[in-house]
Amino acid sequence: MSVYVDTSAFLAAFTADDAMHERAKRRFEEFARQQETLISTNYVLLETISLLQRRLGLEAVRSFHENIGPVVRVRWVDEAIHQSGLNALLAASRRQLSLVDCVSFEIMRRIGVNKVFCYDPHFDQQGFDVIG
């Protein structure tokens, strides 16, 4: 099974004072034991690294890069996917919905992945099977 991973799950796993920290860490351990294929995008990784650096510093970024980088298959966002995500964002006209989320929805639909590890209600609203 393939599971898409969102920024919210990455942050929860790497931020000790996050309310979902222990749960996220356990979920990543389960994925490793079950040898799940974890997928994300370069946009999610950029967003995650930026937030980790700002909130926790470069050591958190280094830990993320060394521990998560090797186990996540990165789907690179091209111009067409970026434009589709931007169009979806503008059509939704919802301030709390992000371009990164809209691009994630587009990628997930294109590659046929319905399961997502996240703590973001937007994925459920889009009809994806949320694993938290």
Protein backbone atom coordinates (compact mmCIF):
# COMPACT_ATOMS: atom_id res chain seq x y z
CA MET A 1 0.00 0.00 0.00
CA SER A 2 1.15 3.54 -0.71
CA VAL A 3 0.54 6.34 1.77
CA TYR A 4 0.89 10.02 1.01
CA VAL A 5 2.46 12.03 3.85
CA ASP A 6 1.52 15.65 4.52
CA THR A 7 3.42 18.38 6.33
CA SER A 8 1.14 18.08 9.37
CA ALA A 9 2.28 14.49 9.98
CA PHE A 10 5.96 15.29 9.49
CA LEU A 11 5.73 18.23 11.90
CA ALA A 12 3.87 16.21 14.52
CA ALA A 13 6.53 13.50 14.42
CA PHE A 14 9.42 15.94 14.78
CA THR A 15 7.92 18.42 17.25
CA ALA A 16 7.98 17.04 20.81
CA ASP A 17 5.40 19.49 22.13
CA ASP A 18 2.91 18.81 19.32
CA ALA A 19 -0.32 17.27 20.64
CA MET A 20 -0.04 14.47 18.05
CA HIS A 21 3.70 13.84 18.52
CA GLU A 22 3.61 10.40 20.15
CA ARG A 23 0.84 9.21 17.86
CA ALA A 24 2.73 10.39 14.75
CA LYS A 25 5.96 8.72 15.87
CA ARG A 26 4.12 5.43 16.46
CA ARG A 27 2.46 5.68 13.04
CA PHE A 28 5.82 6.16 11.30
CA GLU A 29 7.16 3.13 13.19
CA GLU A 30 4.13 1.09 12.03
CA PHE A 31 4.72 2.15 8.44
CA ALA A 32 8.35 1.05 8.71
CA ARG A 33 7.41 -2.36 10.16
CA GLN A 34 4.79 -2.88 7.45
CA GLN A 35 7.19 -1.62 4.77
CA GLU A 36 4.63 0.85 3.47
CA THR A 37 5.59 3.01 0.52
CA LEU A 38 5.58 6.62 1.74
CA ILE A 39 5.07 9.33 -0.86
CA SER A 40 5.22 13.10 -0.66
CA THR A 41 6.06 16.05 -2.89
CA ASN A 42 8.94 18.46 -3.02
CA TYR A 43 6.39 21.16 -2.05
CA VAL A 44 5.51 19.33 1.17
CA LEU A 45 9.19 18.78 1.93
CA LEU A 46 9.95 22.46 1.34
CA GLU A 47 7.06 23.51 3.58
CA THR A 48 8.11 21.05 6.29
CA ILE A 49 11.77 22.06 6.23
CA SER A 50 10.90 25.76 6.34
CA LEU A 51 8.63 25.26 9.36
CA LEU A 52 11.11 23.01 11.17
CA GLN A 53 13.92 25.50 10.63
CA ARG A 54 11.85 28.41 11.88
CA ARG A 55 10.37 26.58 14.86
CA LEU A 56 13.14 24.20 15.93
CA GLY A 57 16.36 25.14 14.13
CA LEU A 58 18.76 23.51 11.74
CA GLU A 59 19.36 20.39 13.84
CA ALA A 60 15.70 19.48 13.36
CA VAL A 61 16.11 20.01 9.62
CA ARG A 62 19.20 17.79 9.63
CA SER A 63 17.37 15.07 11.56
CA PHE A 64 14.40 15.26 9.18
CA HIS A 65 16.67 15.08 6.15
CA GLU A 66 18.69 12.15 7.48
CA ASN A 67 15.81 10.11 8.91
CA ILE A 68 12.90 10.83 6.60
CA GLY A 69 14.57 11.68 3.32
CA PRO A 70 15.74 8.14 2.58
CA VAL A 71 12.32 6.53 3.22
CA VAL A 72 10.00 8.88 1.33
CA ARG A 73 9.50 8.75 -2.42
CA VAL A 74 9.38 12.33 -3.63
CA ARG A 75 7.07 13.28 -6.47
CA TRP A 76 8.42 16.43 -8.09
CA VAL A 77 5.87 19.07 -8.98
CA ASP A 78 6.06 20.15 -12.60
CA GLU A 79 4.54 23.22 -14.20
CA ALA A 80 1.28 21.48 -15.17
CA ILE A 81 0.65 20.14 -11.66
CA HIS A 82 1.56 23.49 -10.13
CA GLN A 83 -0.93 25.23 -12.44
CA SER A 84 -3.67 22.69 -11.66
CA GLY A 85 -3.10 23.18 -7.94
CA LEU A 86 -3.14 26.95 -8.29
CA ASN A 87 -6.35 26.80 -10.33
CA ALA A 88 -7.96 24.59 -7.67
CA LEU A 89 -6.85 26.97 -4.92
CA LEU A 90 -8.30 29.99 -6.69
CA ALA A 91 -11.53 28.15 -7.55
CA ALA A 92 -11.98 27.04 -3.93
CA SER A 93 -11.58 30.63 -2.75
CA ARG A 94 -10.86 29.51 0.82
CA ARG A 95 -8.19 31.39 2.72
CA GLN A 96 -7.23 28.46 4.97
CA LEU A 97 -6.62 26.08 2.05
CA SER A 98 -3.02 26.18 0.82
CA LEU A 99 -1.39 25.79 -2.56
CA VAL A 100 0.66 22.94 -1.10
CA ASP A 101 -2.54 21.11 -0.14
CA CYS A 102 -4.12 21.67 -3.56
CA VAL A 103 -0.98 20.38 -5.29
CA SER A 104 -1.02 17.37 -2.96
CA PHE A 105 -4.64 16.60 -3.91
CA GLU A 106 -3.73 16.81 -7.59
CA ILE A 107 -0.69 14.51 -7.23
CA MET A 108 -2.64 11.99 -5.16
CA ARG A 109 -5.41 11.82 -7.76
CA ARG A 110 -2.96 11.52 -10.66
CA ILE A 111 -1.00 8.65 -9.10
CA GLY A 112 -4.04 6.91 -7.64
CA VAL A 113 -3.16 7.16 -3.94
CA ASN A 114 -6.15 7.57 -1.63
CA LYS A 115 -4.55 7.07 1.80
CA VAL A 116 -2.92 10.05 3.47
CA PHE A 117 -1.10 10.37 6.79
CA CYS A 118 -1.98 13.80 8.07
CA TYR A 119 -3.65 15.91 10.73
CA ASP A 120 -5.20 18.32 8.25
CA PRO A 121 -8.99 18.28 7.75
CA HIS A 122 -8.72 19.41 4.14
CA PHE A 123 -7.73 15.92 2.97
CA ASP A 124 -10.84 14.37 4.53
CA GLN A 125 -12.95 17.12 2.97
CA GLN A 126 -11.50 16.16 -0.41
CA GLY A 127 -12.56 12.53 0.08
CA PHE A 128 -9.21 10.97 0.89
CA ASP A 129 -8.81 8.19 3.46
CA VAL A 130 -7.05 9.92 6.38
CA ILE A 131 -4.71 7.98 8.61
CA GLY A 132 -3.83 9.90 11.76
